[in-house]
Amino acid sequence: MQIESPCIGVCALDENDVCMGCFRTADDITEWSIYSDAEKAEANRVAAERAVDAGMTF
């Protein structure tokens, strides 16, 4: 199973270093290529929570 990046091509970080497009942190984005599938899944889960908290659907 390969975990897909949630990147939607809207790459802009807010004041907390969270992308306003995919809701991953700058660290998650830069480390994505070396993350294990479990780490990617967790990053996506947390990003989805951030999106919901921001009133966005993910």
C-alpha atoms as a PDB file:
ATOM      1  CA  MET A   1       0.000   0.000   0.000  1.00  0.00           C
ATOM      2  CA  GLN A   2       1.370   3.392  -0.978  1.00  0.00           C
ATOM      3  CA  ILE A   3       0.202   6.455   0.934  1.00  0.00           C
ATOM      4  CA  GLU A   4      -0.502   9.374  -1.397  1.00  0.00           C
ATOM      5  CA  SER A   5       0.582  12.917  -0.645  1.00  0.00           C
ATOM      6  CA  PRO A   6      -2.395  15.189   0.040  1.00  0.00           C
ATOM      7  CA  CYS A   7      -0.707  18.047  -1.843  1.00  0.00           C
ATOM      8  CA  ILE A   8      -3.156  19.983  -4.025  1.00  0.00           C
ATOM      9  CA  GLY A   9      -0.603  22.427  -5.417  1.00  0.00           C
ATOM     10  CA  VAL A  10      -1.595  25.313  -3.143  1.00  0.00           C
ATOM     11  CA  CYS A  11       1.721  25.682  -1.383  1.00  0.00           C
ATOM     12  CA  ALA A  12       1.625  28.520   1.132  1.00  0.00           C
ATOM     13  CA  LEU A  13       2.557  28.263   4.791  1.00  0.00           C
ATOM     14  CA  ASP A  14       0.673  30.134   7.486  1.00  0.00           C
ATOM     15  CA  GLU A  15       2.270  31.715  10.564  1.00  0.00           C
ATOM     16  CA  ASN A  16       2.417  28.262  12.216  1.00  0.00           C
ATOM     17  CA  ASP A  17       4.293  26.670   9.271  1.00  0.00           C
ATOM     18  CA  VAL A  18       1.188  24.727   8.209  1.00  0.00           C
ATOM     19  CA  CYS A  19       0.370  24.567   4.508  1.00  0.00           C
ATOM     20  CA  MET A  20      -2.925  26.258   3.699  1.00  0.00           C
ATOM     21  CA  GLY A  21      -3.514  23.783   0.855  1.00  0.00           C
ATOM     22  CA  CYS A  22      -2.870  20.361   2.373  1.00  0.00           C
ATOM     23  CA  PHE A  23      -2.673  21.270   6.089  1.00  0.00           C
ATOM     24  CA  ARG A  24       0.584  19.411   6.636  1.00  0.00           C
ATOM     25  CA  THR A  25       3.386  21.046   8.581  1.00  0.00           C
ATOM     26  CA  ALA A  26       6.529  22.250   6.834  1.00  0.00           C
ATOM     27  CA  ASP A  27       8.374  19.359   8.501  1.00  0.00           C
ATOM     28  CA  ASP A  28       5.832  16.834   7.189  1.00  0.00           C
ATOM     29  CA  ILE A  29       6.212  18.238   3.686  1.00  0.00           C
ATOM     30  CA  THR A  30      10.003  18.245   3.666  1.00  0.00           C
ATOM     31  CA  GLU A  31      10.321  14.818   5.296  1.00  0.00           C
ATOM     32  CA  TRP A  32       7.530  13.149   3.268  1.00  0.00           C
ATOM     33  CA  SER A  33       9.884  11.249   0.972  1.00  0.00           C
ATOM     34  CA  ILE A  34      11.599   9.512   3.892  1.00  0.00           C
ATOM     35  CA  TYR A  35       8.497   8.910   6.024  1.00  0.00           C
ATOM     36  CA  SER A  36       7.335   5.331   6.469  1.00  0.00           C
ATOM     37  CA  ASP A  37       3.791   4.506   5.376  1.00  0.00           C
ATOM     38  CA  ALA A  38       2.724   4.684   9.031  1.00  0.00           C
ATOM     39  CA  GLU A  39       4.240   8.165   9.388  1.00  0.00           C
ATOM     40  CA  LYS A  40       2.562   9.308   6.168  1.00  0.00           C
ATOM     41  CA  ALA A  41      -0.793   7.964   7.323  1.00  0.00           C
ATOM     42  CA  GLU A  42      -0.421   9.770  10.656  1.00  0.00           C
ATOM     43  CA  ALA A  43       0.603  13.022   8.950  1.00  0.00           C
ATOM     44  CA  ASN A  44      -2.476  12.755   6.712  1.00  0.00           C
ATOM     45  CA  ARG A  45      -4.732  12.029   9.690  1.00  0.00           C
ATOM     46  CA  VAL A  46      -3.479  15.058  11.615  1.00  0.00           C
ATOM     47  CA  ALA A  47      -3.652  17.242   8.494  1.00  0.00           C
ATOM     48  CA  ALA A  48      -7.283  16.203   7.994  1.00  0.00           C
ATOM     49  CA  GLU A  49      -8.038  17.214  11.594  1.00  0.00           C
ATOM     50  CA  ARG A  50      -6.430  20.614  10.961  1.00  0.00           C
ATOM     51  CA  ALA A  51      -8.536  21.027   7.826  1.00  0.00           C
ATOM     52  CA  VAL A  52     -11.734  20.261   9.732  1.00  0.00           C
ATOM     53  CA  ASP A  53     -10.723  22.660  12.518  1.00  0.00           C
ATOM     54  CA  ALA A  54     -10.195  25.347   9.846  1.00  0.00           C
ATOM     55  CA  GLY A  55     -13.665  24.675   8.428  1.00  0.00           C
ATOM     56  CA  MET A  56     -12.370  22.951   5.301  1.00  0.00           C
ATOM     57  CA  THR A  57     -13.249  19.540   3.931  1.00  0.00           C
ATOM     58  CA  PHE A  58     -10.325  17.247   3.296  1.00  0.00           C
END
